Protein backbone atom coordinates (compact mmCIF):
# COMPACT_ATOMS: atom_id res chain seq x y z
CA MET A 1 70.98 71.82 -56.65
CA GLY A 2 71.72 68.25 -57.69
CA TYR A 3 69.30 65.64 -58.97
CA PRO A 4 65.52 65.86 -58.48
CA ILE A 5 64.21 63.79 -55.58
CA SER A 6 60.47 64.46 -55.99
CA ASP A 7 57.79 65.38 -58.48
CA GLU A 8 56.12 68.77 -58.22
CA VAL A 9 54.12 68.84 -54.98
CA ASP A 10 52.15 71.38 -52.96
CA ALA A 11 54.38 73.87 -51.13
CA PRO A 12 54.65 73.41 -47.34
CA ASP A 13 52.75 76.67 -46.71
CA GLY A 14 49.96 75.52 -49.06
CA GLN A 15 50.57 78.37 -51.51
CA GLY A 16 52.11 77.28 -54.78
CA LYS A 17 54.09 74.24 -55.79
CA CYS A 18 57.66 72.95 -55.19
CA SER A 19 59.99 70.48 -56.87
CA TYR A 20 62.62 69.09 -54.50
CA PHE A 21 66.25 68.45 -55.42
CA GLU A 22 69.24 67.08 -53.52
CA GLY A 23 70.37 70.58 -52.58
CA GLY A 24 67.04 72.34 -52.04
CA ALA A 25 63.79 73.15 -53.84
CA ILE A 26 62.48 75.30 -56.68
CA CYS A 27 59.08 76.68 -55.79
CA TRP A 28 56.55 79.02 -57.40
CA THR A 29 53.39 80.84 -56.50
CA ALA A 30 50.91 82.64 -58.75
CA GLU A 31 51.52 85.91 -56.87
CA GLY A 32 55.30 85.73 -56.20
CA GLY A 33 56.63 83.82 -59.19
CA THR A 34 59.53 81.36 -58.95
CA TYR A 35 62.01 81.23 -56.08
CA VAL A 36 64.74 78.88 -54.84
CA ARG A 37 64.85 77.41 -51.35
CA GLU A 38 68.35 76.04 -50.79
CA ARG A 39 68.88 73.41 -48.18
CA LYS A 40 71.10 74.69 -45.42
CA ARG A 41 74.40 72.91 -45.66
CA GLN A 42 76.04 72.01 -42.43
CA ASN A 43 79.76 72.36 -42.24
CA PRO A 44 81.26 68.91 -41.92
CA LYS A 45 82.93 68.20 -38.63
CA PRO A 46 86.68 68.31 -38.96
CA GLN A 47 88.15 64.84 -38.87
CA THR A 48 90.36 64.27 -35.87
CA PRO A 49 93.31 62.13 -36.87
CA LYS A 50 93.19 58.80 -35.12
CA ALA A 51 96.16 57.86 -33.03
CA PRO A 52 98.00 54.86 -34.41
CA THR A 53 97.10 51.60 -32.71
CA ASN A 54 100.01 49.46 -33.90
CA ASN A 55 103.60 49.57 -35.01
CA TYR A 56 104.33 48.01 -38.38
CA LEU A 57 107.55 46.24 -39.30
CA THR A 58 108.03 45.65 -43.02
CA VAL A 59 110.59 42.95 -43.78
CA PHE A 60 112.25 42.27 -47.12
CA TYR A 61 113.71 38.75 -47.20
CA ASN A 62 114.57 36.55 -50.17
CA GLY A 63 116.26 33.70 -48.30
CA TYR A 64 114.98 30.24 -47.44
CA THR A 65 112.44 29.67 -44.70
CA ALA A 66 110.32 26.56 -44.15
CA ASP A 67 106.79 26.96 -45.51
CA GLY A 68 107.58 30.53 -46.61
CA LEU A 69 107.06 31.89 -43.08
CA LEU A 70 109.02 34.34 -40.96
CA THR A 71 108.52 34.51 -37.20
CA ILE A 72 108.99 37.50 -34.92
CA ARG A 73 109.34 37.15 -31.15
CA ASN A 74 108.91 39.92 -28.60
CA LEU A 75 111.89 39.57 -26.27
CA GLN A 76 109.97 40.97 -23.26
CA THR A 77 106.72 39.01 -23.55
CA LYS A 78 108.07 36.01 -25.52
CA LYS A 79 104.96 36.20 -27.75
CA THR A 80 105.50 35.18 -31.36
CA GLN A 81 103.81 36.01 -34.62
CA GLN A 82 104.24 34.39 -38.04
CA GLN A 83 103.70 35.96 -41.45
CA VAL A 84 103.97 34.57 -44.97
CA VAL A 85 106.77 36.01 -47.09
CA TYR A 86 105.26 36.88 -50.46
CA ASN A 87 107.47 38.11 -53.29
CA GLY A 88 110.25 38.72 -50.77
CA LYS A 89 108.16 40.91 -48.44
CA THR A 90 106.02 40.60 -45.33
CA VAL A 91 104.55 43.00 -42.77
CA PHE A 92 104.21 42.39 -39.04
CA LYS A 93 101.57 44.28 -37.02
CA LEU A 94 103.14 44.80 -33.60
CA SER A 95 102.30 46.48 -30.29
CA ILE A 96 102.00 50.29 -30.39
CA ASN A 97 104.28 50.40 -27.35
CA GLY A 98 107.25 49.23 -29.38
CA GLY A 99 109.81 46.90 -27.92
CA ASN A 100 112.72 44.64 -28.77
CA TYR A 101 112.13 41.81 -31.19
CA GLU A 102 114.06 39.10 -32.93
CA LEU A 103 113.28 37.98 -36.44
CA LEU A 104 113.48 34.20 -36.91
CA ARG A 105 113.28 31.70 -39.72
CA ASP A 106 112.54 28.00 -39.57
CA LYS A 107 115.40 26.22 -41.31
CA CYS A 108 113.81 22.75 -41.42
CA PRO A 109 114.33 21.11 -44.81
CA PRO A 110 111.37 21.37 -47.20
CA LYS A 111 108.64 18.74 -46.77
CA SER A 112 110.26 17.24 -43.70
CA ASP A 113 108.48 16.26 -40.52
CA CYS A 114 110.97 17.92 -38.19
CA PHE A 115 109.94 20.32 -35.47
CA PRO A 116 110.74 23.96 -36.22
CA ILE A 117 114.44 24.76 -35.95
CA TYR A 118 114.48 28.51 -35.46
CA GLU A 119 117.47 30.58 -36.47
CA ARG A 120 117.80 34.22 -35.45
CA LEU A 121 118.15 36.44 -38.51
CA GLN A 122 118.13 39.93 -37.00
CA SER A 123 117.26 41.94 -33.89
CA VAL A 124 114.89 44.87 -34.27
CA SER A 125 113.98 47.62 -31.81
CA LEU A 126 110.90 49.78 -32.25
CA LYS A 127 109.99 52.89 -30.30
CA LYS A 128 106.42 53.67 -29.34
CA GLY A 129 104.44 54.51 -32.49
CA GLU A 130 107.39 53.78 -34.80
CA ASN A 131 107.14 51.95 -38.11
CA LYS A 132 110.27 50.45 -39.60
CA THR A 133 111.44 48.69 -42.76
CA VAL A 134 114.35 46.24 -42.70
CA GLN A 135 116.23 44.30 -45.35
CA VAL A 136 117.32 40.93 -43.98
CA ARG A 137 120.31 39.22 -45.55
CA GLU A 138 120.63 35.45 -45.70
CA ARG A 139 122.84 34.17 -42.90
CA ILE A 140 125.91 32.30 -44.01
CA ASP A 141 127.43 30.19 -41.25
């Protein structure tokens, strides 16, 4: 029945008294004695799984990148996205449609005023609805 949610009150039909609880009521009348009125429980609607709205690319990288950022560029749209690498890991939220991407790092020296000098670290292809994890190795030229 759960916790009480009211004091004892007059019954809805005017005959007797009821105390209401989370799951129903306990009522009594002088003629009929005590009885329980349970609240009808509705069956919860089944949850329909939501279709994914993005692809996720998890990148593990422990190499150098200016400002601790990695950049990903969609090769079709040329749009870019940057994420901070924290403890050697970052996650990019990409288009659900997938696509071909290149993972880039800025190799400007620390605390310099140079414009970004992007270096391609790895190419990545994602299918529609696909999530992927990659380990990127430091490039040695």
